[in-house]
């Protein structure tokens, strides 16, 4: 059994989540207005690289950039696509939290000697 540390919630609020979907990939934090959401396909960049342009030797270095078809190059996506992606992250967090809580319940039932043996 691999013991885990307590998982942390990915965001404090939805504004933080919007900024994180942009920031985690390209480092430019952006403040979104209330009804603006980042494009998930291009990570709010407005441009993407196609898989057919990938070079087996050079990789993505010489691949051209194409305008994102989801957001038409402006970096803003729909609320629906953003919520689907954000809920997937939150479900992963909930699942990790359930596993952690289950491990803690099991550890509480063990004697101190058994805990020392498992924890090393």
N, C-alpha and C. Protein backbone atom coordinates (compact mmCIF):
# COMPACT_ATOMS: atom_id res chain seq x y z
N UNK A 1 0.85 -1.18 0.00
CA UNK A 1 0.00 0.00 0.00
C UNK A 1 0.90 1.24 0.00
N UNK A 2 0.73 2.08 -1.00
CA UNK A 2 1.50 3.33 -1.08
C UNK A 2 0.75 4.41 -0.31
N UNK A 3 1.39 4.94 0.71
CA UNK A 3 0.75 5.97 1.51
C UNK A 3 0.88 7.33 0.83
N UNK A 4 -0.17 8.09 0.92
CA UNK A 4 -0.21 9.40 0.28
C UNK A 4 -0.29 10.50 1.32
N UNK A 5 0.09 11.69 0.89
CA UNK A 5 -0.17 12.87 1.71
C UNK A 5 -1.55 13.37 1.35
N UNK A 6 -2.11 14.20 2.20
CA UNK A 6 -3.46 14.70 1.94
C UNK A 6 -3.47 15.53 0.66
N UNK A 7 -4.35 15.20 -0.28
CA UNK A 7 -4.41 15.99 -1.52
C UNK A 7 -4.92 17.40 -1.24
N UNK A 8 -4.44 18.33 -2.01
CA UNK A 8 -4.88 19.71 -1.84
C UNK A 8 -5.87 20.08 -2.95
N UNK A 9 -6.79 20.93 -2.61
CA UNK A 9 -7.78 21.38 -3.58
C UNK A 9 -7.07 22.20 -4.66
N UNK A 10 -7.39 21.97 -5.93
CA UNK A 10 -6.65 22.65 -6.99
C UNK A 10 -6.82 24.17 -7.02
N UNK A 11 -7.97 24.71 -6.61
CA UNK A 11 -8.20 26.15 -6.68
C UNK A 11 -8.97 26.62 -5.47
N UNK A 12 -8.88 27.91 -5.23
CA UNK A 12 -9.67 28.52 -4.15
C UNK A 12 -11.05 28.95 -4.65
N UNK A 13 -11.13 29.40 -5.90
CA UNK A 13 -12.40 29.85 -6.47
C UNK A 13 -12.33 29.73 -7.99
N UNK A 14 -13.43 30.05 -8.66
CA UNK A 14 -13.48 29.88 -10.11
C UNK A 14 -12.59 30.87 -10.84
N UNK A 15 -12.42 32.07 -10.31
CA UNK A 15 -11.52 33.04 -10.95
C UNK A 15 -10.08 32.51 -10.94
N UNK A 16 -9.71 31.89 -9.83
CA UNK A 16 -8.39 31.29 -9.73
C UNK A 16 -8.25 30.12 -10.70
N UNK A 17 -9.34 29.36 -10.88
CA UNK A 17 -9.31 28.24 -11.81
C UNK A 17 -9.13 28.72 -13.24
N UNK A 18 -9.81 29.79 -13.61
CA UNK A 18 -9.67 30.33 -14.96
C UNK A 18 -8.22 30.75 -15.23
N UNK A 19 -7.64 31.44 -14.27
CA UNK A 19 -6.25 31.88 -14.44
C UNK A 19 -5.30 30.69 -14.49
N UNK A 20 -5.59 29.66 -13.70
CA UNK A 20 -4.71 28.49 -13.65
C UNK A 20 -4.73 27.71 -14.96
N UNK A 21 -5.87 27.61 -15.62
CA UNK A 21 -5.93 26.88 -16.89
C UNK A 21 -5.06 27.57 -17.93
N UNK A 22 -4.90 28.86 -17.84
CA UNK A 22 -4.02 29.59 -18.75
C UNK A 22 -2.59 29.54 -18.26
N UNK A 23 -2.40 29.80 -16.97
CA UNK A 23 -1.09 29.98 -16.38
C UNK A 23 -0.27 28.71 -16.33
N UNK A 24 -0.90 27.55 -16.13
CA UNK A 24 -0.13 26.34 -15.93
C UNK A 24 0.64 25.91 -17.17
N UNK A 25 0.24 26.39 -18.33
CA UNK A 25 0.92 25.97 -19.54
C UNK A 25 1.86 27.03 -20.11
N UNK A 26 1.49 28.29 -20.03
CA UNK A 26 2.28 29.29 -20.72
C UNK A 26 2.69 30.49 -19.88
N UNK A 27 2.51 30.42 -18.59
CA UNK A 27 3.07 31.40 -17.69
C UNK A 27 2.55 32.82 -17.73
N UNK A 28 1.62 33.16 -18.58
CA UNK A 28 1.08 34.52 -18.63
C UNK A 28 -0.26 34.55 -17.91
N UNK A 29 -0.31 34.98 -16.66
CA UNK A 29 -1.60 35.04 -15.99
C UNK A 29 -2.49 36.09 -16.64
N UNK A 30 -3.75 35.78 -16.73
CA UNK A 30 -4.69 36.69 -17.38
C UNK A 30 -5.92 36.80 -16.50
N UNK A 31 -6.40 37.99 -16.33
CA UNK A 31 -7.62 38.19 -15.56
C UNK A 31 -8.81 38.17 -16.52
N UNK A 32 -9.76 37.32 -16.22
CA UNK A 32 -10.94 37.19 -17.06
C UNK A 32 -12.11 37.91 -16.43
N UNK A 33 -12.94 38.50 -17.27
CA UNK A 33 -14.17 39.11 -16.77
C UNK A 33 -15.14 38.01 -16.36
N UNK A 34 -16.25 38.41 -15.79
CA UNK A 34 -17.19 37.44 -15.23
C UNK A 34 -17.65 36.38 -16.23
N UNK A 35 -17.98 36.77 -17.44
CA UNK A 35 -18.51 35.81 -18.42
C UNK A 35 -17.49 35.38 -19.46
N UNK A 36 -16.21 35.52 -19.17
CA UNK A 36 -15.16 35.07 -20.07
C UNK A 36 -14.51 33.81 -19.51
N UNK A 37 -14.21 32.88 -20.40
CA UNK A 37 -13.58 31.63 -19.99
C UNK A 37 -12.46 31.31 -20.97
N UNK A 38 -11.35 30.72 -20.49
CA UNK A 38 -10.25 30.41 -21.40
C UNK A 38 -10.59 29.24 -22.32
N UNK A 39 -10.05 29.27 -23.50
CA UNK A 39 -10.23 28.16 -24.44
C UNK A 39 -9.40 26.98 -23.96
N UNK A 40 -10.00 25.83 -23.86
CA UNK A 40 -9.31 24.65 -23.34
C UNK A 40 -8.41 24.04 -24.40
N UNK A 41 -8.81 24.09 -25.66
CA UNK A 41 -8.05 23.45 -26.73
C UNK A 41 -6.68 24.09 -26.94
N UNK A 42 -6.62 25.42 -26.87
CA UNK A 42 -5.34 26.10 -27.11
C UNK A 42 -4.74 26.68 -25.83
N UNK A 43 -5.37 26.41 -24.68
CA UNK A 43 -4.94 26.95 -23.38
C UNK A 43 -4.86 28.47 -23.41
N UNK A 44 -5.85 29.08 -24.05
CA UNK A 44 -6.03 30.54 -24.14
C UNK A 44 -4.92 31.22 -24.92
N UNK A 45 -4.22 30.49 -25.74
CA UNK A 45 -3.17 31.08 -26.57
C UNK A 45 -3.70 31.64 -27.87
N UNK A 46 -4.75 31.01 -28.41
CA UNK A 46 -5.28 31.45 -29.69
C UNK A 46 -4.67 30.73 -30.88
N UNK A 47 -3.66 29.92 -30.64
CA UNK A 47 -3.02 29.18 -31.72
C UNK A 47 -2.61 27.80 -31.23
N UNK A 48 -2.60 26.85 -32.16
CA UNK A 48 -2.27 25.46 -31.83
C UNK A 48 -1.34 24.90 -32.89
N UNK A 49 -0.75 23.76 -32.56
CA UNK A 49 0.05 23.02 -33.54
C UNK A 49 -0.68 21.72 -33.85
N UNK A 50 -0.72 21.35 -35.10
CA UNK A 50 -1.41 20.14 -35.52
C UNK A 50 -0.48 18.94 -35.37
N UNK A 51 -1.05 17.78 -35.08
CA UNK A 51 -0.24 16.58 -34.91
C UNK A 51 0.47 16.16 -36.19
N UNK A 52 -0.11 16.48 -37.34
CA UNK A 52 0.52 16.10 -38.60
C UNK A 52 1.79 16.91 -38.87
N UNK A 53 2.00 18.02 -38.17
CA UNK A 53 3.19 18.85 -38.36
C UNK A 53 4.37 18.43 -37.49
N UNK A 54 4.16 17.47 -36.60
CA UNK A 54 5.23 17.02 -35.70
C UNK A 54 6.30 16.29 -36.49
N UNK A 55 7.56 16.68 -36.30
CA UNK A 55 8.68 16.06 -36.98
C UNK A 55 9.29 15.00 -36.06
N UNK A 56 9.56 13.77 -36.56
CA UNK A 56 10.10 12.73 -35.67
C UNK A 56 11.50 13.04 -35.14
N UNK A 57 12.26 13.86 -35.85
CA UNK A 57 13.61 14.19 -35.41
C UNK A 57 13.63 15.50 -34.63
N UNK A 58 13.07 16.55 -35.20
CA UNK A 58 13.12 17.88 -34.59
C UNK A 58 12.01 18.13 -33.58
N UNK A 59 10.97 17.31 -33.60
CA UNK A 59 9.87 17.51 -32.67
C UNK A 59 8.99 18.67 -33.11
N UNK A 60 8.63 19.51 -32.14
CA UNK A 60 7.74 20.65 -32.43
C UNK A 60 8.51 21.92 -32.77
N UNK A 61 9.84 21.85 -32.82
CA UNK A 61 10.65 23.05 -32.99
C UNK A 61 10.32 23.82 -34.27
N UNK A 62 10.18 23.12 -35.37
CA UNK A 62 9.93 23.77 -36.66
C UNK A 62 8.48 23.70 -37.10
N UNK A 63 7.60 23.21 -36.24
CA UNK A 63 6.19 23.07 -36.61
C UNK A 63 5.52 24.44 -36.63
N UNK A 64 4.70 24.70 -37.63
CA UNK A 64 4.02 26.01 -37.70
C UNK A 64 2.84 26.09 -36.74
N UNK A 65 2.49 27.30 -36.39
CA UNK A 65 1.32 27.54 -35.54
C UNK A 65 0.11 27.78 -36.44
N UNK A 66 -1.03 27.24 -36.00
CA UNK A 66 -2.29 27.42 -36.72
C UNK A 66 -3.29 28.10 -35.80
N UNK A 67 -4.20 28.84 -36.39
CA UNK A 67 -5.24 29.51 -35.61
C UNK A 67 -6.15 28.44 -34.98
N UNK A 68 -6.46 28.60 -33.70
CA UNK A 68 -7.33 27.65 -32.99
C UNK A 68 -8.75 27.74 -33.57
N UNK A 69 -9.30 26.59 -33.93
CA UNK A 69 -10.63 26.56 -34.52
C UNK A 69 -11.73 26.71 -33.47
N UNK A 70 -11.42 26.37 -32.22
CA UNK A 70 -12.44 26.46 -31.18
C UNK A 70 -12.75 27.90 -30.80
N UNK A 71 -11.71 28.73 -30.72
CA UNK A 71 -11.91 30.11 -30.27
C UNK A 71 -11.67 31.14 -31.37
N UNK A 72 -11.35 30.70 -32.58
CA UNK A 72 -11.05 31.58 -33.71
C UNK A 72 -9.89 32.53 -33.43
N UNK A 73 -8.94 32.09 -32.61
CA UNK A 73 -7.73 32.85 -32.38
C UNK A 73 -7.78 33.89 -31.28
N UNK A 74 -8.90 34.04 -30.57
CA UNK A 74 -8.94 35.06 -29.52
C UNK A 74 -8.64 34.52 -28.13
N UNK A 75 -8.53 33.20 -27.96
CA UNK A 75 -8.16 32.62 -26.67
C UNK A 75 -9.31 32.46 -25.70
N UNK A 76 -10.50 32.84 -26.08
CA UNK A 76 -11.66 32.71 -25.19
C UNK A 76 -12.54 31.57 -25.66
N UNK A 77 -12.94 30.72 -24.72
CA UNK A 77 -13.77 29.57 -25.06
C UNK A 77 -15.14 29.68 -24.43
N UNK A 78 -15.90 28.62 -24.56
CA UNK A 78 -17.24 28.62 -24.00
C UNK A 78 -17.23 28.16 -22.55
N UNK A 79 -18.23 28.57 -21.82
CA UNK A 79 -18.36 28.18 -20.42
C UNK A 79 -18.52 26.67 -20.31
N UNK A 80 -19.25 26.09 -21.24
CA UNK A 80 -19.52 24.66 -21.21
C UNK A 80 -18.23 23.84 -21.27
N UNK A 81 -17.34 24.17 -22.21
CA UNK A 81 -16.09 23.42 -22.33
C UNK A 81 -15.19 23.65 -21.12
N UNK A 82 -15.18 24.86 -20.61
CA UNK A 82 -14.36 25.14 -19.43
C UNK A 82 -14.86 24.35 -18.23
N UNK A 83 -16.18 24.30 -18.03
CA UNK A 83 -16.73 23.60 -16.87
C UNK A 83 -16.50 22.09 -16.97
N UNK A 84 -16.55 21.54 -18.17
CA UNK A 84 -16.27 20.11 -18.35
C UNK A 84 -14.83 19.81 -17.92
N UNK A 85 -13.88 20.63 -18.37
CA UNK A 85 -12.48 20.42 -18.01
C UNK A 85 -12.24 20.64 -16.52
N UNK A 86 -12.85 21.69 -15.96
CA UNK A 86 -12.66 21.98 -14.54
C UNK A 86 -13.30 20.90 -13.67
N UNK A 87 -14.46 20.41 -14.06
CA UNK A 87 -15.10 19.34 -13.28
C UNK A 87 -14.30 18.04 -13.34
N UNK A 88 -13.61 17.79 -14.44
CA UNK A 88 -12.75 16.60 -14.51
C UNK A 88 -11.61 16.71 -13.50
N UNK A 89 -11.04 17.91 -13.36
CA UNK A 89 -9.97 18.11 -12.38
C UNK A 89 -10.52 17.95 -10.96
N UNK A 90 -11.71 18.49 -10.72
CA UNK A 90 -12.31 18.38 -9.39
C UNK A 90 -12.69 16.95 -9.05
N UNK A 91 -13.15 16.19 -10.04
CA UNK A 91 -13.46 14.77 -9.79
C UNK A 91 -12.21 13.99 -9.43
N UNK A 92 -11.10 14.29 -10.10
CA UNK A 92 -9.83 13.63 -9.78
C UNK A 92 -9.41 13.96 -8.35
N UNK A 93 -9.60 15.22 -7.95
CA UNK A 93 -9.29 15.63 -6.58
C UNK A 93 -10.17 14.89 -5.58
N UNK A 94 -11.47 14.79 -5.86
CA UNK A 94 -12.39 14.08 -4.96
C UNK A 94 -12.02 12.61 -4.83
N UNK A 95 -11.62 12.00 -5.93
CA UNK A 95 -11.22 10.59 -5.90
C UNK A 95 -9.96 10.41 -5.06
N UNK A 96 -8.97 11.28 -5.25
CA UNK A 96 -7.75 11.21 -4.45
C UNK A 96 -8.04 11.43 -2.97
N UNK A 97 -8.95 12.34 -2.67
CA UNK A 97 -9.32 12.60 -1.28
C UNK A 97 -10.01 11.38 -0.66
N UNK A 98 -10.85 10.70 -1.41
CA UNK A 98 -11.50 9.49 -0.91
C UNK A 98 -10.48 8.41 -0.59
N UNK A 99 -9.50 8.22 -1.47
CA UNK A 99 -8.46 7.22 -1.24
C UNK A 99 -7.66 7.58 0.00
N UNK A 100 -7.32 8.84 0.16
CA UNK A 100 -6.55 9.28 1.33
C UNK A 100 -7.34 9.03 2.62
N UNK A 101 -8.64 9.39 2.60
CA UNK A 101 -9.46 9.17 3.79
C UNK A 101 -9.58 7.69 4.13
N UNK A 102 -9.69 6.85 3.13
CA UNK A 102 -9.77 5.41 3.36
C UNK A 102 -8.48 4.89 3.99
N UNK A 103 -7.34 5.37 3.49
CA UNK A 103 -6.06 4.97 4.08
C UNK A 103 -5.96 5.42 5.53
N UNK A 104 -6.43 6.63 5.81
CA UNK A 104 -6.38 7.12 7.19
C UNK A 104 -7.27 6.29 8.11
N UNK A 105 -8.45 5.90 7.64
CA UNK A 105 -9.34 5.04 8.44
C UNK A 105 -8.69 3.70 8.74
N UNK A 106 -8.01 3.14 7.73
CA UNK A 106 -7.34 1.85 7.93
C UNK A 106 -6.20 1.99 8.93
N UNK A 107 -5.42 3.06 8.81
CA UNK A 107 -4.29 3.26 9.72
C UNK A 107 -4.75 3.46 11.16
N UNK A 108 -5.92 4.12 11.35
CA UNK A 108 -6.42 4.33 12.71
C UNK A 108 -6.80 3.02 13.40
N UNK A 109 -7.16 2.02 12.62
CA UNK A 109 -7.56 0.72 13.20
C UNK A 109 -6.37 -0.13 13.63
N UNK A 110 -5.18 0.21 13.14
CA UNK A 110 -4.00 -0.59 13.45
C UNK A 110 -3.41 -0.24 14.81
N UNK A 111 -2.68 -1.18 15.36
CA UNK A 111 -1.98 -0.92 16.62
C UNK A 111 -0.74 -0.07 16.33
N UNK A 112 -0.15 0.56 17.33
CA UNK A 112 1.05 1.38 17.10
C UNK A 112 2.21 0.58 16.49
N UNK A 113 2.36 -0.67 16.87
CA UNK A 113 3.44 -1.49 16.31
C UNK A 113 3.21 -1.77 14.83
N UNK A 114 1.95 -2.05 14.48
CA UNK A 114 1.64 -2.30 13.08
C UNK A 114 1.81 -1.03 12.23
N UNK A 115 1.44 0.11 12.81
CA UNK A 115 1.62 1.39 12.09
C UNK A 115 3.10 1.66 11.82
N UNK A 116 3.93 1.41 12.85
CA UNK A 116 5.38 1.64 12.67
C UNK A 116 5.94 0.73 11.59
N UNK A 117 5.44 -0.51 11.55
CA UNK A 117 5.92 -1.46 10.54
C UNK A 117 5.54 -1.00 9.13
N UNK A 118 4.31 -0.55 8.94
CA UNK A 118 3.84 -0.11 7.63
C UNK A 118 4.51 1.19 7.21
N UNK A 119 4.59 2.15 8.13
CA UNK A 119 5.15 3.45 7.79
C UNK A 119 6.66 3.45 7.68
N UNK A 120 7.27 2.40 8.17
CA UNK A 120 8.72 2.24 8.02
C UNK A 120 9.46 2.94 9.05
